[in-house]
Amino acid sequence: MNMSLAWAVSRRKLHDEGFGSCQRVRILALAHFPNTEASRERIRALFHSPLGIYVSQAQREGCELRLEFDTASEDLAFTLRTLKRVLPEAHVEGIAPRVFAHRVSTRGTS
Protein backbone atom coordinates (compact mmCIF):
# COMPACT_ATOMS: atom_id res chain seq x y z
CA MET A 1 0.00 0.00 0.00
CA ASN A 2 1.28 3.44 -0.75
CA MET A 3 -0.38 5.13 2.20
CA SER A 4 0.92 4.86 5.70
CA LEU A 5 -0.97 1.94 7.19
CA ALA A 6 0.80 2.61 10.46
CA TRP A 7 -0.74 6.11 10.53
CA ALA A 8 -4.29 4.82 10.21
CA VAL A 9 -3.85 1.92 12.60
CA SER A 10 -1.92 3.82 15.26
CA ARG A 11 -4.39 6.70 15.53
CA ARG A 12 -5.79 6.39 19.03
CA LYS A 13 -8.47 8.94 18.36
CA LEU A 14 -9.86 9.12 14.87
CA HIS A 15 -11.93 12.00 16.22
CA ASP A 16 -8.90 14.28 15.71
CA GLU A 17 -9.14 13.63 11.98
CA GLY A 18 -12.92 14.14 11.77
CA PHE A 19 -13.90 10.47 12.03
CA GLY A 20 -15.19 10.56 15.60
CA SER A 21 -18.63 11.90 14.80
CA CYS A 22 -19.26 9.53 11.89
CA GLN A 23 -20.22 5.91 12.12
CA ARG A 24 -19.26 4.88 8.57
CA VAL A 25 -16.00 5.35 6.68
CA ARG A 26 -15.41 5.16 2.94
CA ILE A 27 -12.10 3.76 1.66
CA LEU A 28 -11.11 4.09 -2.00
CA ALA A 29 -8.42 1.75 -3.35
CA LEU A 30 -6.83 0.99 -6.71
CA ALA A 31 -4.83 -2.07 -7.76
CA HIS A 32 -2.88 -2.81 -10.96
CA PHE A 33 -2.10 -6.37 -12.10
CA PRO A 34 0.24 -7.78 -14.74
CA ASN A 35 -2.62 -9.37 -16.71
CA THR A 36 -6.40 -9.77 -16.72
CA GLU A 37 -6.28 -13.34 -15.39
CA ALA A 38 -4.38 -12.14 -12.33
CA SER A 39 -6.96 -9.41 -11.72
CA ARG A 40 -9.79 -11.97 -11.96
CA GLU A 41 -8.09 -14.27 -9.46
CA ARG A 42 -7.42 -11.45 -7.00
CA ILE A 43 -10.98 -10.13 -7.07
CA ARG A 44 -12.23 -13.68 -6.54
CA ALA A 45 -9.93 -14.01 -3.50
CA LEU A 46 -11.09 -10.61 -2.23
CA PHE A 47 -14.76 -11.55 -2.28
CA HIS A 48 -14.06 -14.87 -0.56
CA SER A 49 -12.13 -13.19 2.24
CA PRO A 50 -13.56 -11.48 5.36
CA LEU A 51 -12.96 -8.18 3.56
CA GLY A 52 -15.53 -9.04 0.89
CA ILE A 53 -18.45 -7.91 3.05
CA TYR A 54 -17.08 -4.35 3.17
CA VAL A 55 -16.86 -3.90 -0.62
CA SER A 56 -19.60 -1.49 -1.72
CA GLN A 57 -18.30 -1.07 -5.29
CA ALA A 58 -15.83 -2.94 -7.47
CA GLN A 59 -14.94 -2.04 -11.03
CA ARG A 60 -12.48 -4.06 -13.09
CA GLU A 61 -11.17 -2.69 -16.36
CA GLY A 62 -8.56 -4.98 -17.88
CA CYS A 63 -5.65 -5.15 -15.45
CA GLU A 64 -6.97 -2.42 -13.13
CA LEU A 65 -9.30 -2.86 -10.18
CA ARG A 66 -11.03 0.06 -8.43
CA LEU A 67 -12.61 -0.65 -5.08
CA GLU A 68 -14.77 1.21 -2.62
CA PHE A 69 -15.16 -0.10 0.91
CA ASP A 70 -17.88 0.98 3.32
CA THR A 71 -16.96 0.13 6.89
CA ALA A 72 -17.71 1.18 10.44
CA SER A 73 -15.17 3.65 11.79
CA GLU A 74 -14.18 1.19 14.52
CA ASP A 75 -13.39 -1.42 11.82
CA LEU A 76 -11.03 0.86 9.87
CA ALA A 77 -7.81 -0.68 11.22
CA PHE A 78 -9.06 -4.23 10.57
CA THR A 79 -10.15 -3.31 7.04
CA LEU A 80 -6.78 -1.76 6.15
CA ARG A 81 -4.78 -4.64 7.64
CA THR A 82 -6.92 -7.20 5.83
CA LEU A 83 -6.69 -5.26 2.56
CA LYS A 84 -2.91 -5.27 2.83
CA ARG A 85 -2.92 -9.03 3.45
CA VAL A 86 -5.53 -10.02 0.83
CA LEU A 87 -4.66 -7.51 -1.90
CA PRO A 88 -1.07 -6.27 -1.37
CA GLU A 89 -1.12 -4.62 -4.83
CA ALA A 90 -3.78 -2.16 -3.68
CA HIS A 91 -3.00 1.50 -3.13
CA VAL A 92 -5.38 3.35 -0.85
CA GLU A 93 -6.38 6.58 -2.60
CA GLY A 94 -8.52 8.04 0.13
CA ILE A 95 -10.28 7.57 3.44
CA ALA A 96 -13.21 9.82 4.28
CA PRO A 97 -16.29 9.86 6.48
CA ARG A 98 -19.32 8.34 4.78
CA VAL A 99 -21.98 11.02 4.35
CA PHE A 100 -25.55 10.08 3.55
CA ALA A 101 -27.39 12.90 1.74
CA HIS A 102 -30.78 12.09 3.26
CA ARG A 103 -29.36 12.41 6.79
CA VAL A 104 -27.61 15.71 6.09
CA SER A 105 -30.77 17.33 4.66
CA THR A 106 -32.98 16.26 7.58
CA ARG A 107 -30.67 17.34 10.41
CA GLY A 108 -31.43 21.02 10.10
CA THR A 109 -35.21 20.57 9.87
CA SER A 110 -35.93 19.16 13.34
C-alpha atoms as a PDB file:
ATOM      1  CA  MET A   1       0.000   0.000   0.000  1.00  0.00           C
ATOM      2  CA  ASN A   2       1.279   3.444  -0.746  1.00  0.00           C
ATOM      3  CA  MET A   3      -0.382   5.130   2.202  1.00  0.00           C
ATOM      4  CA  SER A   4       0.915   4.859   5.699  1.00  0.00           C
ATOM      5  CA  LEU A   5      -0.966   1.940   7.188  1.00  0.00           C
ATOM      6  CA  ALA A   6       0.798   2.613  10.463  1.00  0.00           C
ATOM      7  CA  TRP A   7      -0.739   6.114  10.529  1.00  0.00           C
ATOM      8  CA  ALA A   8      -4.292   4.823  10.213  1.00  0.00           C
ATOM      9  CA  VAL A   9      -3.848   1.918  12.603  1.00  0.00           C
ATOM     10  CA  SER A  10      -1.923   3.818  15.261  1.00  0.00           C
ATOM     11  CA  ARG A  11      -4.394   6.703  15.534  1.00  0.00           C
ATOM     12  CA  ARG A  12      -5.792   6.392  19.032  1.00  0.00           C
ATOM     13  CA  LYS A  13      -8.470   8.941  18.362  1.00  0.00           C
ATOM     14  CA  LEU A  14      -9.855   9.118  14.871  1.00  0.00           C
ATOM     15  CA  HIS A  15     -11.930  12.000  16.216  1.00  0.00           C
ATOM     16  CA  ASP A  16      -8.902  14.283  15.714  1.00  0.00           C
ATOM     17  CA  GLU A  17      -9.144  13.628  11.981  1.00  0.00           C
ATOM     18  CA  GLY A  18     -12.918  14.136  11.769  1.00  0.00           C
ATOM     19  CA  PHE A  19     -13.901  10.475  12.026  1.00  0.00           C
ATOM     20  CA  GLY A  20     -15.190  10.560  15.603  1.00  0.00           C
ATOM     21  CA  SER A  21     -18.632  11.901  14.798  1.00  0.00           C
ATOM     22  CA  CYS A  22     -19.263   9.530  11.888  1.00  0.00           C
ATOM     23  CA  GLN A  23     -20.218   5.912  12.119  1.00  0.00           C
ATOM     24  CA  ARG A  24     -19.264   4.885   8.570  1.00  0.00           C
ATOM     25  CA  VAL A  25     -16.000   5.354   6.683  1.00  0.00           C
ATOM     26  CA  ARG A  26     -15.409   5.159   2.936  1.00  0.00           C
ATOM     27  CA  ILE A  27     -12.100   3.758   1.661  1.00  0.00           C
ATOM     28  CA  LEU A  28     -11.108   4.086  -2.001  1.00  0.00           C
ATOM     29  CA  ALA A  29      -8.423   1.749  -3.354  1.00  0.00           C
ATOM     30  CA  LEU A  30      -6.835   0.991  -6.705  1.00  0.00           C
ATOM     31  CA  ALA A  31      -4.827  -2.074  -7.759  1.00  0.00           C
ATOM     32  CA  HIS A  32      -2.884  -2.810 -10.962  1.00  0.00           C
ATOM     33  CA  PHE A  33      -2.101  -6.368 -12.096  1.00  0.00           C
ATOM     34  CA  PRO A  34       0.244  -7.783 -14.738  1.00  0.00           C
ATOM     35  CA  ASN A  35      -2.622  -9.367 -16.712  1.00  0.00           C
ATOM     36  CA  THR A  36      -6.398  -9.771 -16.721  1.00  0.00           C
ATOM     37  CA  GLU A  37      -6.280 -13.342 -15.392  1.00  0.00           C
ATOM     38  CA  ALA A  38      -4.378 -12.139 -12.327  1.00  0.00           C
ATOM     39  CA  SER A  39      -6.963  -9.411 -11.720  1.00  0.00           C
ATOM     40  CA  ARG A  40      -9.791 -11.972 -11.961  1.00  0.00           C
ATOM     41  CA  GLU A  41      -8.091 -14.272  -9.459  1.00  0.00           C
ATOM     42  CA  ARG A  42      -7.417 -11.446  -6.996  1.00  0.00           C
ATOM     43  CA  ILE A  43     -10.980 -10.127  -7.073  1.00  0.00           C
ATOM     44  CA  ARG A  44     -12.234 -13.681  -6.539  1.00  0.00           C
ATOM     45  CA  ALA A  45      -9.931 -14.007  -3.502  1.00  0.00           C
ATOM     46  CA  LEU A  46     -11.086 -10.614  -2.227  1.00  0.00           C
ATOM     47  CA  PHE A  47     -14.761 -11.547  -2.284  1.00  0.00           C
ATOM     48  CA  HIS A  48     -14.058 -14.872  -0.565  1.00  0.00           C
ATOM     49  CA  SER A  49     -12.128 -13.195   2.240  1.00  0.00           C
ATOM     50  CA  PRO A  50     -13.555 -11.482   5.363  1.00  0.00           C
ATOM     51  CA  LEU A  51     -12.964  -8.178   3.563  1.00  0.00           C
ATOM     52  CA  GLY A  52     -15.530  -9.035   0.889  1.00  0.00           C
ATOM     53  CA  ILE A  53     -18.453  -7.907   3.046  1.00  0.00           C
ATOM     54  CA  TYR A  54     -17.078  -4.353   3.172  1.00  0.00           C
ATOM     55  CA  VAL A  55     -16.862  -3.900  -0.617  1.00  0.00           C
ATOM     56  CA  SER A  56     -19.596  -1.495  -1.725  1.00  0.00           C
ATOM     57  CA  GLN A  57     -18.300  -1.066  -5.295  1.00  0.00           C
ATOM     58  CA  ALA A  58     -15.829  -2.939  -7.474  1.00  0.00           C
ATOM     59  CA  GLN A  59     -14.940  -2.040 -11.029  1.00  0.00           C
ATOM     60  CA  ARG A  60     -12.482  -4.064 -13.094  1.00  0.00           C
ATOM     61  CA  GLU A  61     -11.167  -2.687 -16.361  1.00  0.00           C
ATOM     62  CA  GLY A  62      -8.564  -4.979 -17.879  1.00  0.00           C
ATOM     63  CA  CYS A  63      -5.651  -5.145 -15.451  1.00  0.00           C
ATOM     64  CA  GLU A  64      -6.972  -2.423 -13.129  1.00  0.00           C
ATOM     65  CA  LEU A  65      -9.302  -2.858 -10.184  1.00  0.00           C
ATOM     66  CA  ARG A  66     -11.030   0.062  -8.432  1.00  0.00           C
ATOM     67  CA  LEU A  67     -12.613  -0.653  -5.085  1.00  0.00           C
ATOM     68  CA  GLU A  68     -14.765   1.210  -2.618  1.00  0.00           C
ATOM     69  CA  PHE A  69     -15.161  -0.095   0.910  1.00  0.00           C
ATOM     70  CA  ASP A  70     -17.883   0.984   3.316  1.00  0.00           C
ATOM     71  CA  THR A  71     -16.961   0.128   6.889  1.00  0.00           C
ATOM     72  CA  ALA A  72     -17.709   1.175  10.444  1.00  0.00           C
ATOM     73  CA  SER A  73     -15.167   3.646  11.791  1.00  0.00           C
ATOM     74  CA  GLU A  74     -14.176   1.189  14.521  1.00  0.00           C
ATOM     75  CA  ASP A  75     -13.390  -1.422  11.823  1.00  0.00           C
ATOM     76  CA  LEU A  76     -11.034   0.863   9.873  1.00  0.00           C
ATOM     77  CA  ALA A  77      -7.813  -0.677  11.218  1.00  0.00           C
ATOM     78  CA  PHE A  78      -9.064  -4.228  10.568  1.00  0.00           C
ATOM     79  CA  THR A  79     -10.145  -3.310   7.039  1.00  0.00           C
ATOM     80  CA  LEU A  80      -6.783  -1.759   6.149  1.00  0.00           C
ATOM     81  CA  ARG A  81      -4.777  -4.639   7.645  1.00  0.00           C
ATOM     82  CA  THR A  82      -6.919  -7.196   5.831  1.00  0.00           C
ATOM     83  CA  LEU A  83      -6.688  -5.262   2.561  1.00  0.00           C
ATOM     84  CA  LYS A  84      -2.908  -5.266   2.826  1.00  0.00           C
ATOM     85  CA  ARG A  85      -2.918  -9.029   3.445  1.00  0.00           C
ATOM     86  CA  VAL A  86      -5.529 -10.023   0.831  1.00  0.00           C
ATOM     87  CA  LEU A  87      -4.658  -7.515  -1.895  1.00  0.00           C
ATOM     88  CA  PRO A  88      -1.074  -6.272  -1.375  1.00  0.00           C
ATOM     89  CA  GLU A  89      -1.116  -4.619  -4.828  1.00  0.00           C
ATOM     90  CA  ALA A  90      -3.785  -2.156  -3.678  1.00  0.00           C
ATOM     91  CA  HIS A  91      -3.003   1.497  -3.134  1.00  0.00           C
ATOM     92  CA  VAL A  92      -5.384   3.351  -0.850  1.00  0.00           C
ATOM     93  CA  GLU A  93      -6.375   6.575  -2.598  1.00  0.00           C
ATOM     94  CA  GLY A  94      -8.521   8.039   0.134  1.00  0.00           C
ATOM     95  CA  ILE A  95     -10.276   7.573   3.444  1.00  0.00           C
ATOM     96  CA  ALA A  96     -13.208   9.821   4.282  1.00  0.00           C
ATOM     97  CA  PRO A  97     -16.288   9.865   6.479  1.00  0.00           C
ATOM     98  CA  ARG A  98     -19.319   8.336   4.776  1.00  0.00           C
ATOM     99  CA  VAL A  99     -21.984  11.019   4.351  1.00  0.00           C
ATOM    100  CA  PHE A 100     -25.549  10.084   3.549  1.00  0.00           C
ATOM    101  CA  ALA A 101     -27.391  12.898   1.742  1.00  0.00           C
ATOM    102  CA  HIS A 102     -30.781  12.088   3.256  1.00  0.00           C
ATOM    103  CA  ARG A 103     -29.360  12.410   6.786  1.00  0.00           C
ATOM    104  CA  VAL A 104     -27.612  15.713   6.089  1.00  0.00           C
ATOM    105  CA  SER A 105     -30.765  17.333   4.655  1.00  0.00           C
ATOM    106  CA  THR A 106     -32.975  16.260   7.577  1.00  0.00           C
ATOM    107  CA  ARG A 107     -30.667  17.338  10.410  1.00  0.00           C
ATOM    108  CA  GLY A 108     -31.434  21.016  10.099  1.00  0.00           C
ATOM    109  CA  THR A 109     -35.211  20.573   9.873  1.00  0.00           C
ATOM    110  CA  SER A 110     -35.930  19.161  13.335  1.00  0.00           C
END
